[in-house]
Amino acid sequence: MTSVLPATSTGRRILVTSGDARTAAHVDALLAGGADVTVVAAEVCATIEDWSLRGLVTWHARDLTLDDVHAADVVVNRPEALADCPPASSGEGHVTLVGGGPSDPGLLTIAGHAALLAADVIVTDRLAPLAALTALRPEVEVIDVGKIPHGRSTPQEEINRVLVEHARAGRRVVRLKGGDSYVFGRGGEEVDACREAGVPVSVVPGVSSAISGPALAGIPVTHRGVSQGFTVVSGHVPPGHPESTIDWSALARSGTTIVVLMGVRTLPAIAEALITGGLDPHTPAAVVADAARPSQEVVRGTVRTIDAVATAAGIGAPAVAVIGAVAARGVEVEA
């Protein structure tokens, strides 16, 4: 089972004796945290009634009884008190994969931030929003397992081992990555490793650089009348490589915006394959480097010229390439 919030209230039986919209906001947070919520109130707002009909909460439209109170772990009769409900602690180790977004801690999700604050151990990548770690408790252990292109790199098997080892020791482990863990982040492999080891694991999705990188350069990956879709591909291996599974000719004819991650080194071969596959060589293209960082840089050209333009500008990884009519749009915008 995966959750978008840490299980701070898992198993906690909360009895709520009011049902207005302010109460609903706090109840929603408790539900996301795994609480078992019962509402006893003659009237409730439409949202709580809907949750009751869907089986997300239990609602009794009657007066409170002693049996209700005895069945609860926590009884709350005012909305603001819901924020102070103590968490249930299982004492069990757990791994949470957190997608950190594109480097800027301001683009880390609320759920991701909460997971960091609750962590005992954080296993981090070089592209993660490391500035978010300044708010951690002093005793939290931070382990760097970054992979530097053509440089120092922690094997994936070692990363999996670290996650499992700390979780088995009863620690709350956060695996913090840049972007989204499931978009070329090998998050699936880490989830599999945890499950095979019997370690509880959950996932907090992140803002993918495939969309946010272009957006921060003012480039929408779709735009009415221009592009009705976009395709995200990895440029880790070039066209024609034995490990490549992409049909570049089909992609060239797809009519969608093409977003390439990890493709700085292979961009010349990718551009050539797209042109050979039928893409107009004059199709606009752009490369966004260091998205969301003060060093962000954007270069523009065509699919035929973009590699030369990027090389002349000294563009390096991490960078996102955008190929399609939308690449001619927009200016850089502030994160």
Protein backbone atom coordinates (compact mmCIF):
# COMPACT_ATOMS: atom_id res chain seq x y z
CA MET A 1 0.00 0.00 0.00
CA THR A 2 1.30 3.44 -0.83
CA SER A 3 0.41 6.73 0.83
CA VAL A 4 0.96 10.36 -0.12
CA LEU A 5 1.54 11.32 3.53
CA PRO A 6 3.60 9.70 6.29
CA ALA A 7 1.51 7.39 8.45
CA THR A 8 1.50 9.79 11.44
CA SER A 9 -2.01 8.71 12.49
CA THR A 10 -2.18 5.13 11.25
CA GLY A 11 -4.50 3.06 13.41
CA ARG A 12 -5.58 5.98 15.61
CA ARG A 13 -9.33 5.95 16.30
CA ILE A 14 -10.49 9.55 16.30
CA LEU A 15 -13.98 10.54 17.46
CA VAL A 16 -15.10 13.95 16.21
CA THR A 17 -18.19 15.67 17.60
CA SER A 18 -18.56 18.45 15.04
CA GLY A 19 -19.02 18.37 11.29
CA ASP A 20 -18.57 21.78 9.69
CA ALA A 21 -16.22 22.66 6.83
CA ARG A 22 -13.34 23.64 9.13
CA THR A 23 -13.61 20.27 10.80
CA ALA A 24 -13.58 18.58 7.39
CA ALA A 25 -10.20 20.15 6.57
CA HIS A 26 -8.60 18.62 9.65
CA VAL A 27 -10.38 15.30 9.16
CA ASP A 28 -9.02 15.15 5.61
CA ALA A 29 -5.46 15.43 6.97
CA LEU A 30 -6.13 12.65 9.48
CA LEU A 31 -7.58 10.40 6.79
CA ALA A 32 -4.50 10.97 4.63
CA GLY A 33 -2.40 9.92 7.62
CA GLY A 34 -4.33 6.68 8.04
CA ALA A 35 -6.62 7.53 10.98
CA ASP A 36 -9.95 5.77 11.57
CA VAL A 37 -12.38 8.68 11.95
CA THR A 38 -15.90 8.56 13.36
CA VAL A 39 -18.09 11.68 13.34
CA VAL A 40 -21.03 11.92 15.73
CA ALA A 41 -23.01 15.06 14.95
CA ALA A 42 -26.63 15.82 14.05
CA GLU A 43 -25.52 17.80 11.01
CA VAL A 44 -22.38 17.71 8.90
CA CYS A 45 -21.13 19.55 5.84
CA ALA A 46 -21.59 18.04 2.39
CA THR A 47 -17.96 16.88 2.24
CA ILE A 48 -18.17 14.79 5.41
CA GLU A 49 -21.51 13.37 4.27
CA ASP A 50 -19.88 12.39 0.96
CA TRP A 51 -16.98 10.73 2.78
CA SER A 52 -19.49 8.79 4.86
CA LEU A 53 -21.33 7.57 1.76
CA ARG A 54 -17.99 6.48 0.27
CA GLY A 55 -16.97 4.64 3.43
CA LEU A 56 -14.04 6.93 4.25
CA VAL A 57 -15.47 8.02 7.61
CA THR A 58 -18.21 6.73 9.87
CA TRP A 59 -20.97 9.28 10.54
CA HIS A 60 -23.71 8.91 13.15
CA ALA A 61 -26.39 11.62 12.93
CA ARG A 62 -27.34 11.45 16.62
CA ASP A 63 -26.31 12.49 20.10
CA LEU A 64 -23.00 11.33 21.56
CA THR A 65 -23.03 8.26 23.83
CA LEU A 66 -20.56 6.84 26.35
CA ASP A 67 -20.05 3.85 24.08
CA ASP A 68 -18.79 6.23 21.38
CA VAL A 69 -16.28 7.72 23.79
CA HIS A 70 -15.08 4.36 25.11
CA ALA A 71 -14.47 3.08 21.57
CA ALA A 72 -12.17 5.99 20.66
CA ASP A 73 -8.49 6.66 21.28
CA VAL A 74 -8.98 10.42 21.02
CA VAL A 75 -12.18 12.48 21.40
CA VAL A 76 -12.27 15.94 19.83
CA ASN A 77 -15.06 18.48 20.17
CA ARG A 78 -13.47 21.49 18.49
CA PRO A 79 -11.87 21.55 14.99
CA GLU A 80 -8.56 23.17 15.91
CA ALA A 81 -7.80 20.39 18.39
CA LEU A 82 -7.63 17.88 15.56
CA ALA A 83 -4.26 19.31 14.55
CA ASP A 84 -2.87 18.29 17.95
CA CYS A 85 -3.94 14.62 17.89
CA PRO A 86 -0.91 12.53 18.97
CA PRO A 87 0.46 10.16 16.34
CA ALA A 88 0.23 6.42 16.63
CA SER A 89 3.67 4.83 16.69
CA SER A 90 4.20 1.29 15.45
CA GLY A 91 7.92 1.17 16.27
CA GLU A 92 8.44 -0.47 12.90
CA GLY A 93 11.04 0.59 10.36
CA HIS A 94 9.73 2.05 7.13
CA VAL A 95 11.05 3.42 3.84
CA THR A 96 9.43 6.39 2.10
CA LEU A 97 10.50 7.31 -1.44
CA VAL A 98 10.19 11.09 -1.77
CA GLY A 99 10.34 12.80 -5.14
CA GLY A 100 11.98 16.11 -4.34
CA GLY A 101 11.18 18.01 -7.54
CA PRO A 102 13.73 20.03 -9.53
CA SER A 103 16.27 21.09 -6.85
CA ASP A 104 14.33 24.06 -5.43
CA PRO A 105 13.06 23.19 -1.90
CA GLY A 106 10.05 25.41 -2.59
CA LEU A 107 8.90 22.86 -5.16
CA LEU A 108 9.07 19.98 -2.68
CA THR A 109 5.55 18.80 -1.84
CA ILE A 110 4.04 19.30 1.62
CA ALA A 111 3.92 15.52 1.99
CA GLY A 112 7.59 15.25 1.08
CA HIS A 113 8.54 17.93 3.59
CA ALA A 114 6.57 16.17 6.33
CA ALA A 115 8.33 12.89 5.56
CA LEU A 116 11.74 14.59 5.90
CA LEU A 117 10.82 16.07 9.28
CA ALA A 118 9.71 12.65 10.54
CA ALA A 119 12.77 10.76 9.25
CA ASP A 120 15.56 9.14 11.23
CA VAL A 121 17.72 8.50 8.14
CA ILE A 122 17.73 10.27 4.79
CA VAL A 123 19.38 8.69 1.75
CA THR A 124 19.84 11.43 -0.81
CA ASP A 125 20.84 12.05 -4.42
CA ARG A 126 22.93 14.91 -5.79
CA LEU A 127 19.92 16.43 -7.62
CA ALA A 128 17.63 16.39 -4.58
CA PRO A 129 16.59 19.71 -2.95
CA LEU A 130 19.33 19.54 -0.33
CA ALA A 131 18.46 22.97 1.11
CA ALA A 132 15.34 21.34 2.55
CA LEU A 133 17.58 19.31 4.88
CA THR A 134 18.59 22.36 6.91
CA ALA A 135 15.40 21.97 8.98
CA LEU A 136 16.20 18.42 10.13
CA ARG A 137 16.69 17.40 13.74
CA PRO A 138 20.42 17.29 14.66
CA GLU A 139 20.37 13.52 15.21
CA VAL A 140 19.07 12.66 11.72
CA GLU A 141 21.63 10.72 9.66
CA VAL A 142 22.07 11.87 6.05
CA ILE A 143 23.68 9.43 3.60
CA ASP A 144 24.84 10.65 0.18
CA VAL A 145 24.49 8.03 -2.56
CA GLY A 146 24.69 10.38 -5.52
CA LYS A 147 25.57 9.31 -9.02
CA ILE A 148 27.87 11.74 -10.85
CA PRO A 149 27.89 11.39 -14.66
CA HIS A 150 31.20 9.75 -15.67
CA GLY A 151 32.35 10.08 -12.04
CA ARG A 152 31.76 8.68 -8.57
CA SER A 153 28.64 6.57 -8.42
CA THR A 154 26.97 4.44 -5.76
CA PRO A 155 25.76 1.13 -7.25
CA GLN A 156 22.01 0.65 -7.11
CA GLU A 157 22.45 -2.62 -5.25
CA GLU A 158 24.28 -0.76 -2.48
CA ILE A 159 21.51 1.87 -2.27
CA ASN A 160 18.92 -0.90 -1.94
CA ARG A 161 20.99 -2.54 0.80
CA VAL A 162 21.27 0.71 2.78
CA LEU A 163 17.52 1.31 2.65
CA VAL A 164 16.69 -2.19 3.82
CA GLU A 165 19.38 -2.29 6.51
CA HIS A 166 18.25 0.91 8.23
CA ALA A 167 14.55 0.07 7.98
CA ARG A 168 15.16 -3.37 9.50
CA ALA A 169 16.88 -1.60 12.39
CA GLY A 170 13.55 0.12 13.12
CA ARG A 171 14.37 3.48 11.56
CA ARG A 172 12.15 5.73 9.45
CA VAL A 173 14.08 6.04 6.20
CA VAL A 174 13.47 8.62 3.48
CA ARG A 175 14.93 8.04 0.04
CA LEU A 176 15.13 11.61 -1.31
CA LYS A 177 15.52 12.04 -5.06
CA GLY A 178 15.33 14.88 -7.54
CA GLY A 179 12.24 15.03 -9.73
CA ASP A 180 9.90 12.07 -9.36
CA SER A 181 11.13 8.69 -8.16
CA TYR A 182 9.20 6.83 -10.86
CA VAL A 183 10.41 8.91 -13.84
CA PHE A 184 13.84 7.46 -14.68
CA GLY A 185 14.61 7.53 -10.95
CA ARG A 186 14.79 3.74 -10.41
CA GLY A 187 12.16 4.10 -7.73
CA GLY A 188 10.45 0.94 -8.88
CA GLU A 189 13.62 -1.04 -8.25
CA GLU A 190 13.91 0.37 -4.73
CA VAL A 191 10.29 -0.41 -3.93
CA ASP A 192 10.80 -3.96 -5.21
CA ALA A 193 13.92 -4.38 -3.06
CA CYS A 194 12.06 -3.23 0.06
CA ARG A 195 9.07 -5.48 -0.59
CA GLU A 196 11.28 -8.50 -1.26
CA ALA A 197 13.00 -7.84 2.09
CA GLY A 198 9.66 -7.51 3.89
CA VAL A 199 10.21 -3.80 4.60
CA PRO A 200 7.13 -1.51 4.56
CA VAL A 201 7.50 1.12 1.83
CA SER A 202 5.45 4.06 0.61
CA VAL A 203 5.84 6.66 -2.13
CA VAL A 204 5.47 10.44 -2.15
CA PRO A 205 5.32 11.58 -5.79
CA GLY A 206 7.44 14.53 -6.87
CA VAL A 207 7.34 17.26 -9.51
CA SER A 208 9.07 15.78 -12.56
CA SER A 209 11.76 17.82 -14.28
CA ALA A 210 10.28 16.61 -17.58
CA ILE A 211 7.46 19.12 -17.07
CA SER A 212 8.84 21.61 -14.55
CA GLY A 213 12.14 22.22 -16.38
CA PRO A 214 10.44 23.42 -19.57
CA ALA A 215 7.80 25.28 -17.54
CA LEU A 216 10.46 27.28 -15.69
CA ALA A 217 11.82 28.31 -19.08
CA GLY A 218 8.35 29.45 -20.14
CA ILE A 219 7.82 26.41 -22.36
CA PRO A 220 4.51 24.55 -22.00
CA VAL A 221 4.88 20.92 -23.06
CA THR A 222 1.34 21.16 -24.48
CA HIS A 223 -0.47 24.19 -25.88
CA ARG A 224 -3.86 24.48 -27.53
CA GLY A 225 -3.53 24.57 -31.29
CA VAL A 226 0.17 23.69 -31.11
CA SER A 227 0.67 20.37 -29.31
CA GLN A 228 -1.92 17.91 -28.03
CA GLY A 229 0.51 15.71 -26.17
CA PHE A 230 4.07 15.10 -25.09
CA THR A 231 6.37 12.10 -24.93
CA VAL A 232 9.10 11.78 -22.30
CA VAL A 233 12.09 9.61 -23.19
CA SER A 234 15.47 8.81 -21.72
CA GLY A 235 18.58 9.78 -23.65
CA HIS A 236 20.82 7.68 -21.42
CA VAL A 237 21.69 5.48 -24.39
CA PRO A 238 21.67 6.74 -28.01
CA PRO A 239 19.52 5.51 -30.90
CA GLY A 240 20.89 2.26 -32.27
CA HIS A 241 22.37 1.19 -28.95
CA PRO A 242 21.58 -2.46 -28.07
CA GLU A 243 19.87 -1.30 -24.84
CA SER A 244 17.68 1.31 -26.57
CA THR A 245 13.98 0.35 -26.70
CA ILE A 246 12.67 3.57 -28.30
CA ASP A 247 11.26 3.63 -31.82
CA TRP A 248 12.72 6.98 -32.83
CA SER A 249 11.12 6.93 -36.27
CA ALA A 250 7.68 6.48 -34.74
CA LEU A 251 8.45 9.23 -32.25
CA ALA A 252 9.47 11.56 -35.09
CA ARG A 253 6.04 11.03 -36.67
CA SER A 254 4.05 11.22 -33.42
CA GLY A 255 3.15 14.89 -33.65
CA THR A 256 3.77 15.31 -29.93
CA THR A 257 6.27 17.43 -28.04
CA ILE A 258 9.39 15.35 -27.35
CA VAL A 259 11.04 15.78 -23.94
CA VAL A 260 14.43 14.14 -23.47
CA LEU A 261 15.93 13.57 -20.03
CA MET A 262 19.57 12.57 -19.49
CA GLY A 263 20.30 13.34 -23.12
CA VAL A 264 23.05 15.98 -23.18
CA ARG A 265 25.72 13.55 -24.36
CA THR A 266 23.48 11.72 -26.83
CA LEU A 267 21.62 14.75 -28.22
CA PRO A 268 23.45 14.73 -31.62
CA ALA A 269 22.47 11.11 -32.27
CA ILE A 270 18.92 11.71 -31.07
CA ALA A 271 18.48 14.73 -33.35
CA GLU A 272 19.84 12.81 -36.31
CA ALA A 273 17.56 9.84 -35.65
CA LEU A 274 14.50 12.10 -35.44
CA ILE A 275 15.37 13.86 -38.68
CA THR A 276 16.03 10.55 -40.40
CA GLY A 277 12.66 9.37 -39.09
CA GLY A 278 10.87 12.24 -40.80
CA LEU A 279 10.92 15.15 -38.34
CA ASP A 280 11.35 18.52 -40.03
CA PRO A 281 14.95 19.66 -39.30
CA HIS A 282 13.60 23.18 -38.74
CA THR A 283 11.44 22.01 -35.80
CA PRO A 284 12.10 24.30 -32.80
CA ALA A 285 14.15 22.85 -29.95
CA ALA A 286 15.41 24.06 -26.59
CA VAL A 287 17.61 22.82 -23.77
CA VAL A 288 17.03 23.84 -20.16
CA ALA A 289 19.98 23.25 -17.83
CA ASP A 290 20.01 23.41 -14.01
CA ALA A 291 16.25 24.00 -13.90
CA ALA A 292 15.01 25.80 -10.76
CA ARG A 293 18.53 26.70 -9.63
CA PRO A 294 20.12 30.17 -9.75
CA SER A 295 22.39 28.77 -12.49
CA GLN A 296 19.44 27.87 -14.74
CA GLU A 297 20.23 28.43 -18.41
CA VAL A 298 18.14 28.05 -21.55
CA VAL A 299 19.33 27.79 -25.15
CA ARG A 300 17.15 27.56 -28.26
CA GLY A 301 17.58 26.45 -31.85
CA THR A 302 16.14 23.81 -34.14
CA VAL A 303 16.39 20.05 -33.98
CA ARG A 304 19.21 20.38 -36.52
CA THR A 305 21.16 23.05 -34.62
CA ILE A 306 20.32 22.53 -30.95
CA ASP A 307 23.34 20.37 -30.12
CA ALA A 308 25.78 22.91 -31.61
CA VAL A 309 24.01 25.73 -29.75
CA ALA A 310 24.09 23.83 -26.46
CA THR A 311 27.74 22.86 -26.92
CA ALA A 312 28.73 26.46 -27.70
CA ALA A 313 26.98 27.60 -24.52
CA GLY A 314 28.76 24.97 -22.43
CA ILE A 315 25.52 23.28 -21.41
CA GLY A 316 26.03 20.19 -19.27
CA ALA A 317 23.97 17.80 -17.18
CA PRO A 318 21.47 17.99 -15.64
CA ALA A 319 19.47 19.31 -18.58
CA VAL A 320 16.12 18.75 -20.27
CA ALA A 321 15.75 18.95 -24.05
CA VAL A 322 12.41 19.95 -25.59
CA ILE A 323 11.73 19.32 -29.27
CA GLY A 324 8.58 20.59 -30.93
CA ALA A 325 6.73 23.78 -31.84
CA VAL A 326 6.24 24.69 -28.15
CA ALA A 327 10.02 25.10 -27.79
CA ALA A 328 9.75 28.42 -29.62
CA ARG A 329 7.37 29.79 -27.01
CA GLY A 330 7.88 31.60 -23.75
CA VAL A 331 10.56 33.25 -21.71
CA GLU A 332 12.11 32.18 -18.44
CA VAL A 333 9.83 32.53 -15.42
CA GLU A 334 10.71 32.68 -11.74
CA ALA A 335 10.21 29.54 -9.67
